[in-house]
Amino acid sequence: MNDRSLSEFADDGDEQDASDAGGDDGDVDSADDTPGELLATAQFSPDGTPCEKCGAVVVRRWHDDGQFVCADCKNW
């Protein structure tokens, strides 16, 4: 197989402006507009962090009802 230059694959014909492409109008997904919408489901702290419900110091906490809680407090 011979090496080929990228210029061989370039479209020499009708080049469209990015604004004319039709697919990308520059809008951002609504999930990106809402801070906190993409909240982590779990947290890991090697030194331990208190459970927001019972106060027990644990290494791993899970998101539950707006708080990060230990496995015992998590509503599974």
PDB file of N, CA and C in Angstrom:
ATOM      1  N   MET A   1       0.848  -1.172   0.000  1.00  0.00           N
ATOM      2  CA  MET A   1       0.000   0.000   0.000  1.00  0.00           C
ATOM      3  C   MET A   1       0.894   1.234   0.000  1.00  0.00           C
ATOM      4  N   ASN A   2       0.583   2.174  -0.846  1.00  0.00           N
ATOM      5  CA  ASN A   2       1.361   3.404  -0.953  1.00  0.00           C
ATOM      6  C   ASN A   2       0.818   4.460   0.000  1.00  0.00           C
ATOM      7  N   ASP A   3       1.721   5.277   0.547  1.00  0.00           N
ATOM      8  CA  ASP A   3       1.301   6.401   1.368  1.00  0.00           C
ATOM      9  C   ASP A   3       0.671   7.452   0.468  1.00  0.00           C
ATOM     10  N   ARG A   4      -0.381   8.086   0.985  1.00  0.00           N
ATOM     11  CA  ARG A   4      -1.056   9.111   0.204  1.00  0.00           C
ATOM     12  C   ARG A   4      -1.157  10.381   1.038  1.00  0.00           C
ATOM     13  N   SER A   5      -1.163  11.485   0.389  1.00  0.00           N
ATOM     14  CA  SER A   5      -1.278  12.782   1.042  1.00  0.00           C
ATOM     15  C   SER A   5      -2.737  13.062   1.378  1.00  0.00           C
ATOM     16  N   LEU A   6      -2.974  13.778   2.475  1.00  0.00           N
ATOM     17  CA  LEU A   6      -4.333  14.154   2.823  1.00  0.00           C
ATOM     18  C   LEU A   6      -4.965  15.049   1.767  1.00  0.00           C
ATOM     19  N   SER A   7      -4.149  15.800   1.054  1.00  0.00           N
ATOM     20  CA  SER A   7      -4.686  16.685   0.025  1.00  0.00           C
ATOM     21  C   SER A   7      -5.366  15.888  -1.091  1.00  0.00           C
ATOM     22  N   GLU A   8      -5.009  14.633  -1.255  1.00  0.00           N
ATOM     23  CA  GLU A   8      -5.675  13.808  -2.260  1.00  0.00           C
ATOM     24  C   GLU A   8      -7.129  13.540  -1.900  1.00  0.00           C
ATOM     25  N   PHE A   9      -7.451  13.647  -0.630  1.00  0.00           N
ATOM     26  CA  PHE A   9      -8.806  13.374  -0.172  1.00  0.00           C
ATOM     27  C   PHE A   9      -9.632  14.636   0.007  1.00  0.00           C
ATOM     28  N   ALA A  10      -9.019  15.793  -0.154  1.00  0.00           N
ATOM     29  CA  ALA A  10      -9.719  17.067   0.022  1.00  0.00           C
ATOM     30  C   ALA A  10     -10.764  17.233  -1.063  1.00  0.00           C
ATOM     31  N   ASP A  11     -11.883  17.842  -0.686  1.00  0.00           N
ATOM     32  CA  ASP A  11     -12.963  18.098  -1.627  1.00  0.00           C
ATOM     33  C   ASP A  11     -12.646  19.388  -2.377  1.00  0.00           C
ATOM     34  N   ASP A  12     -12.277  19.267  -3.638  1.00  0.00           N
ATOM     35  CA  ASP A  12     -11.934  20.440  -4.448  1.00  0.00           C
ATOM     36  C   ASP A  12     -13.177  21.116  -5.022  1.00  0.00           C
ATOM     37  N   GLY A  13     -14.310  20.469  -4.889  1.00  0.00           N
ATOM     38  CA  GLY A  13     -15.540  20.979  -5.479  1.00  0.00           C
ATOM     39  C   GLY A  13     -16.231  21.985  -4.603  1.00  0.00           C
ATOM     40  N   ASP A  14     -17.495  21.786  -4.415  1.00  0.00           N
ATOM     41  CA  ASP A  14     -18.359  22.728  -3.712  1.00  0.00           C
ATOM     42  C   ASP A  14     -18.124  22.664  -2.208  1.00  0.00           C
ATOM     43  N   GLU A  15     -17.341  23.606  -1.669  1.00  0.00           N
ATOM     44  CA  GLU A  15     -17.105  23.664  -0.229  1.00  0.00           C
ATOM     45  C   GLU A  15     -18.167  24.540   0.397  1.00  0.00           C
ATOM     46  N   GLN A  16     -18.746  24.055   1.499  1.00  0.00           N
ATOM     47  CA  GLN A  16     -19.774  24.822   2.188  1.00  0.00           C
ATOM     48  C   GLN A  16     -19.186  25.522   3.394  1.00  0.00           C
ATOM     49  N   ASP A  17     -19.714  26.687   3.669  1.00  0.00           N
ATOM     50  CA  ASP A  17     -19.388  27.399   4.898  1.00  0.00           C
ATOM     51  C   ASP A  17     -20.014  26.620   6.049  1.00  0.00           C
ATOM     52  N   ALA A  18     -19.402  26.630   7.225  1.00  0.00           N
ATOM     53  CA  ALA A  18     -19.921  25.901   8.372  1.00  0.00           C
ATOM     54  C   ALA A  18     -21.351  26.316   8.699  1.00  0.00           C
ATOM     55  N   SER A  19     -21.698  27.575   8.461  1.00  0.00           N
ATOM     56  CA  SER A  19     -23.051  28.031   8.760  1.00  0.00           C
ATOM     57  C   SER A  19     -24.063  27.506   7.751  1.00  0.00           C
ATOM     58  N   ASP A  20     -23.600  27.100   6.568  1.00  0.00           N
ATOM     59  CA  ASP A  20     -24.478  26.556   5.542  1.00  0.00           C
ATOM     60  C   ASP A  20     -24.561  25.034   5.592  1.00  0.00           C
ATOM     61  N   ALA A  21     -23.848  24.397   6.495  1.00  0.00           N
ATOM     62  CA  ALA A  21     -23.782  22.939   6.523  1.00  0.00           C
ATOM     63  C   ALA A  21     -25.129  22.318   6.849  1.00  0.00           C
ATOM     64  N   GLY A  22     -25.972  23.017   7.593  1.00  0.00           N
ATOM     65  CA  GLY A  22     -27.307  22.517   7.862  1.00  0.00           C
ATOM     66  C   GLY A  22     -27.406  21.684   9.131  1.00  0.00           C
ATOM     67  N   GLY A  23     -26.388  20.940   9.499  1.00  0.00           N
ATOM     68  CA  GLY A  23     -26.476  20.067  10.652  1.00  0.00           C
ATOM     69  C   GLY A  23     -26.077  20.737  11.949  1.00  0.00           C
ATOM     70  N   ASP A  24     -25.149  21.649  11.919  1.00  0.00           N
ATOM     71  CA  ASP A  24     -24.647  22.254  13.141  1.00  0.00           C
ATOM     72  C   ASP A  24     -24.945  23.742  13.133  1.00  0.00           C
ATOM     73  N   ASP A  25     -25.907  24.136  13.967  1.00  0.00           N
ATOM     74  CA  ASP A  25     -26.260  25.546  13.998  1.00  0.00           C
ATOM     75  C   ASP A  25     -25.617  26.285  15.161  1.00  0.00           C
ATOM     76  N   GLY A  26     -24.713  25.581  15.884  1.00  0.00           N
ATOM     77  CA  GLY A  26     -23.988  26.224  16.960  1.00  0.00           C
ATOM     78  C   GLY A  26     -24.704  26.185  18.296  1.00  0.00           C
ATOM     79  N   ASP A  27     -25.945  25.673  18.345  1.00  0.00           N
ATOM     80  CA  ASP A  27     -26.672  25.588  19.605  1.00  0.00           C
ATOM     81  C   ASP A  27     -26.071  24.498  20.482  1.00  0.00           C
ATOM     82  N   VAL A  28     -26.169  24.696  21.770  1.00  0.00           N
ATOM     83  CA  VAL A  28     -25.657  23.739  22.744  1.00  0.00           C
ATOM     84  C   VAL A  28     -26.833  22.928  23.260  1.00  0.00           C
ATOM     85  N   ASP A  29     -26.608  21.654  23.529  1.00  0.00           N
ATOM     86  CA  ASP A  29     -27.667  20.817  24.088  1.00  0.00           C
ATOM     87  C   ASP A  29     -28.191  21.416  25.379  1.00  0.00           C
ATOM     88  N   SER A  30     -29.468  21.219  25.658  1.00  0.00           N
ATOM     89  CA  SER A  30     -30.065  21.799  26.854  1.00  0.00           C
ATOM     90  C   SER A  30     -29.424  21.261  28.127  1.00  0.00           C
ATOM     91  N   ALA A  31     -28.908  20.010  28.109  1.00  0.00           N
ATOM     92  CA  ALA A  31     -28.254  19.455  29.294  1.00  0.00           C
ATOM     93  C   ALA A  31     -27.007  20.261  29.653  1.00  0.00           C
ATOM     94  N   ASP A  32     -26.337  20.840  28.645  1.00  0.00           N
ATOM     95  CA  ASP A  32     -25.149  21.637  28.901  1.00  0.00           C
ATOM     96  C   ASP A  32     -25.500  23.005  29.470  1.00  0.00           C
ATOM     97  N   ASP A  33     -26.737  23.445  29.281  1.00  0.00           N
ATOM     98  CA  ASP A  33     -27.152  24.762  29.755  1.00  0.00           C
ATOM     99  C   ASP A  33     -27.520  24.766  31.231  1.00  0.00           C
ATOM    100  N   THR A  34     -27.794  23.595  31.796  1.00  0.00           N
ATOM    101  CA  THR A  34     -28.276  23.510  33.164  1.00  0.00           C
ATOM    102  C   THR A  34     -27.179  22.980  34.076  1.00  0.00           C
ATOM    103  N   PRO A  35     -26.493  23.836  34.809  1.00  0.00           N
ATOM    104  CA  PRO A  35     -25.458  23.355  35.712  1.00  0.00           C
ATOM    105  C   PRO A  35     -26.047  22.428  36.764  1.00  0.00           C
ATOM    106  N   GLY A  36     -25.328  21.377  37.075  1.00  0.00           N
ATOM    107  CA  GLY A  36     -25.783  20.430  38.077  1.00  0.00           C
ATOM    108  C   GLY A  36     -26.678  19.347  37.518  1.00  0.00           C
ATOM    109  N   GLU A  37     -27.091  19.467  36.280  1.00  0.00           N
ATOM    110  CA  GLU A  37     -27.964  18.468  35.670  1.00  0.00           C
ATOM    111  C   GLU A  37     -27.233  17.133  35.516  1.00  0.00           C
ATOM    112  N   LEU A  38     -25.945  17.173  35.264  1.00  0.00           N
ATOM    113  CA  LEU A  38     -25.161  15.958  35.082  1.00  0.00           C
ATOM    114  C   LEU A  38     -24.381  15.677  36.354  1.00  0.00           C
ATOM    115  N   LEU A  39     -25.071  15.343  37.403  1.00  0.00           N
ATOM    116  CA  LEU A  39     -24.473  15.117  38.704  1.00  0.00           C
ATOM    117  C   LEU A  39     -23.874  13.723  38.784  1.00  0.00           C
ATOM    118  N   ALA A  40     -22.746  13.603  39.458  1.00  0.00           N
ATOM    119  CA  ALA A  40     -22.115  12.301  39.644  1.00  0.00           C
ATOM    120  C   ALA A  40     -23.033  11.394  40.445  1.00  0.00           C
ATOM    121  N   THR A  41     -22.968  10.093  40.169  1.00  0.00           N
ATOM    122  CA  THR A  41     -23.794   9.141  40.905  1.00  0.00           C
ATOM    123  C   THR A  41     -23.073   8.584  42.116  1.00  0.00           C
ATOM    124  N   ALA A  42     -21.748   8.721  42.153  1.00  0.00           N
ATOM    125  CA  ALA A  42     -20.973   8.234  43.293  1.00  0.00           C
ATOM    126  C   ALA A  42     -19.726   9.081  43.460  1.00  0.00           C
ATOM    127  N   GLN A  43     -19.180   9.067  44.673  1.00  0.00           N
ATOM    128  CA  GLN A  43     -17.928   9.774  44.966  1.00  0.00           C
ATOM    129  C   GLN A  43     -17.009   8.834  45.731  1.00  0.00           C
ATOM    130  N   PHE A  44     -15.710   8.939  45.453  1.00  0.00           N
ATOM    131  CA  PHE A  44     -14.701   8.149  46.142  1.00  0.00           C
ATOM    132  C   PHE A  44     -13.694   9.099  46.755  1.00  0.00           C
ATOM    133  N   SER A  45     -13.427   8.934  48.049  1.00  0.00           N
ATOM    134  CA  SER A  45     -12.457   9.757  48.764  1.00  0.00           C
ATOM    135  C   SER A  45     -11.522   8.829  49.535  1.00  0.00           C
ATOM    136  N   PRO A  46     -10.279   8.689  49.113  1.00  0.00           N
ATOM    137  CA  PRO A  46      -9.361   7.754  49.771  1.00  0.00           C
ATOM    138  C   PRO A  46      -9.182   8.017  51.264  1.00  0.00           C
ATOM    139  N   ASP A  47      -9.283   9.276  51.686  1.00  0.00           N
ATOM    140  CA  ASP A  47      -9.108   9.625  53.102  1.00  0.00           C
ATOM    141  C   ASP A  47     -10.413   9.544  53.890  1.00  0.00           C
ATOM    142  N   GLY A  48     -11.524   9.317  53.203  1.00  0.00           N
ATOM    143  CA  GLY A  48     -12.819   9.238  53.858  1.00  0.00           C
ATOM    144  C   GLY A  48     -13.510  10.585  53.928  1.00  0.00           C
ATOM    145  N   THR A  49     -14.821  10.559  53.807  1.00  0.00           N
ATOM    146  CA  THR A  49     -15.654  11.757  53.854  1.00  0.00           C
ATOM    147  C   THR A  49     -16.927  11.407  54.628  1.00  0.00           C
ATOM    148  N   PRO A  50     -17.446  12.327  55.431  1.00  0.00           N
ATOM    149  CA  PRO A  50     -18.662  12.025  56.191  1.00  0.00           C
ATOM    150  C   PRO A  50     -19.887  11.849  55.292  1.00  0.00           C
ATOM    151  N   CYS A  51     -20.702  10.870  55.642  1.00  0.00           N
ATOM    152  CA  CYS A  51     -22.004  10.670  54.997  1.00  0.00           C
ATOM    153  C   CYS A  51     -22.862  11.886  55.337  1.00  0.00           C
ATOM    154  N   GLU A  52     -23.557  12.424  54.359  1.00  0.00           N
ATOM    155  CA  GLU A  52     -24.378  13.615  54.586  1.00  0.00           C
ATOM    156  C   GLU A  52     -25.654  13.305  55.365  1.00  0.00           C
ATOM    157  N   LYS A  53     -25.969  12.035  55.546  1.00  0.00           N
ATOM    158  CA  LYS A  53     -27.183  11.674  56.283  1.00  0.00           C
ATOM    159  C   LYS A  53     -26.870  11.254  57.718  1.00  0.00           C
ATOM    160  N   CYS A  54     -25.896  10.328  57.903  1.00  0.00           N
ATOM    161  CA  CYS A  54     -25.639   9.806  59.255  1.00  0.00           C
ATOM    162  C   CYS A  54     -24.314  10.282  59.853  1.00  0.00           C
ATOM    163  N   GLY A  55     -23.429  10.854  59.022  1.00  0.00           N
ATOM    164  CA  GLY A  55     -22.162  11.378  59.517  1.00  0.00           C
ATOM    165  C   GLY A  55     -21.023  10.382  59.579  1.00  0.00           C
ATOM    166  N   ALA A  56     -21.283   9.109  59.258  1.00  0.00           N
ATOM    167  CA  ALA A  56     -20.216   8.099  59.269  1.00  0.00           C
ATOM    168  C   ALA A  56     -19.174   8.438  58.218  1.00  0.00           C
ATOM    169  N   VAL A  57     -17.891   8.328  58.576  1.00  0.00           N
ATOM    170  CA  VAL A  57     -16.817   8.623  57.631  1.00  0.00           C
ATOM    171  C   VAL A  57     -16.596   7.380  56.773  1.00  0.00           C
ATOM    172  N   VAL A  58     -16.786   7.536  55.468  1.00  0.00           N
ATOM    173  CA  VAL A  58     -16.684   6.424  54.532  1.00  0.00           C
ATOM    174  C   VAL A  58     -15.827   6.822  53.337  1.00  0.00           C
ATOM    175  N   VAL A  59     -15.321   5.830  52.651  1.00  0.00           N
ATOM    176  CA  VAL A  59     -14.484   6.057  51.471  1.00  0.00           C
ATOM    177  C   VAL A  59     -15.350   6.285  50.232  1.00  0.00           C
ATOM    178  N   ARG A  60     -16.478   5.592  50.133  1.00  0.00           N
ATOM    179  CA  ARG A  60     -17.352   5.700  48.963  1.00  0.00           C
ATOM    180  C   ARG A  60     -18.750   6.134  49.382  1.00  0.00           C
ATOM    181  N   ARG A  61     -19.276   7.151  48.643  1.00  0.00           N
ATOM    182  CA  ARG A  61     -20.622   7.647  48.893  1.00  0.00           C
ATOM    183  C   ARG A  61     -21.412   7.641  47.593  1.00  0.00           C
ATOM    184  N   TRP A  62     -22.727   7.457  47.683  1.00  0.00           N
ATOM    185  CA  TRP A  62     -23.608   7.429  46.522  1.00  0.00           C
ATOM    186  C   TRP A  62     -24.608   8.568  46.599  1.00  0.00           C
ATOM    187  N   HIS A  63     -25.020   9.069  45.434  1.00  0.00           N
ATOM    188  CA  HIS A  63     -26.001  10.145  45.357  1.00  0.00           C
ATOM    189  C   HIS A  63     -27.385   9.578  45.649  1.00  0.00           C
ATOM    190  N   ASP A  64     -28.104  10.213  46.573  1.00  0.00           N
ATOM    191  CA  ASP A  64     -29.445   9.775  46.939  1.00  0.00           C
ATOM    192  C   ASP A  64     -30.233  10.968  47.461  1.00  0.00           C
ATOM    193  N   ASP A  65     -31.305  11.316  46.802  1.00  0.00           N
ATOM    194  CA  ASP A  65     -32.155  12.448  47.211  1.00  0.00           C
ATOM    195  C   ASP A  65     -31.379  13.746  47.411  1.00  0.00           C
ATOM    196  N   GLY A  66     -30.479  14.058  46.488  1.00  0.00           N
ATOM    197  CA  GLY A  66     -29.743  15.316  46.551  1.00  0.00           C
ATOM    198  C   GLY A  66     -28.579  15.326  47.516  1.00  0.00           C
ATOM    199  N   GLN A  67     -28.270  14.187  48.137  1.00  0.00           N
ATOM    200  CA  GLN A  67     -27.151  14.091  49.073  1.00  0.00           C
ATOM    201  C   GLN A  67     -26.218  12.965  48.640  1.00  0.00           C
ATOM    202  N   PHE A  68     -24.992  13.009  49.139  1.00  0.00           N
ATOM    203  CA  PHE A  68     -24.065  11.894  48.961  1.00  0.00           C
ATOM    204  C   PHE A  68     -24.004  11.150  50.284  1.00  0.00           C
ATOM    205  N   VAL A  69     -24.447   9.883  50.248  1.00  0.00           N
ATOM    206  CA  VAL A  69     -24.620   9.100  51.464  1.00  0.00           C
ATOM    207  C   VAL A  69     -23.844   7.785  51.392  1.00  0.00           C
ATOM    208  N   CYS A  70     -23.647   7.169  52.566  1.00  0.00           N
ATOM    209  CA  CYS A  70     -22.955   5.886  52.641  1.00  0.00           C
ATOM    210  C   CYS A  70     -23.875   4.761  52.139  1.00  0.00           C
ATOM    211  N   ALA A  71     -23.325   3.573  52.004  1.00  0.00           N
ATOM    212  CA  ALA A  71     -24.094   2.435  51.509  1.00  0.00           C
ATOM    213  C   ALA A  71     -25.251   2.085  52.439  1.00  0.00           C
ATOM    214  N   ASP A  72     -25.072   2.277  53.726  1.00  0.00           N
ATOM    215  CA  ASP A  72     -26.143   1.966  54.687  1.00  0.00           C
ATOM    216  C   ASP A  72     -27.312   2.934  54.571  1.00  0.00           C
ATOM    217  N   CYS A  73     -27.047   4.171  54.193  1.00  0.00           N
ATOM    218  CA  CYS A  73     -28.101   5.182  54.097  1.00  0.00           C
ATOM    219  C   CYS A  73     -28.718   5.264  52.687  1.00  0.00           C
ATOM    220  N   LYS A  74     -28.055   4.679  51.705  1.00  0.00           N
ATOM    221  CA  LYS A  74     -28.524   4.725  50.316  1.00  0.00           C
ATOM    222  C   LYS A  74     -29.824   3.949  50.172  1.00  0.00           C
ATOM    223  N   ASN A  75     -30.810   4.545  49.527  1.00  0.00           N
ATOM    224  CA  ASN A  75     -32.081   3.884  49.252  1.00  0.00           C
ATOM    225  C   ASN A  75     -31.913   3.064  47.969  1.00  0.00           C
ATOM    226  N   TRP A  76     -31.528   1.829  48.127  1.00  0.00           N
ATOM    227  CA  TRP A  76     -31.273   0.960  46.968  1.00  0.00           C
ATOM    228  C   TRP A  76     -32.580   0.521  46.392  1.00  0.00           C
TER     229      TRP A  76
END
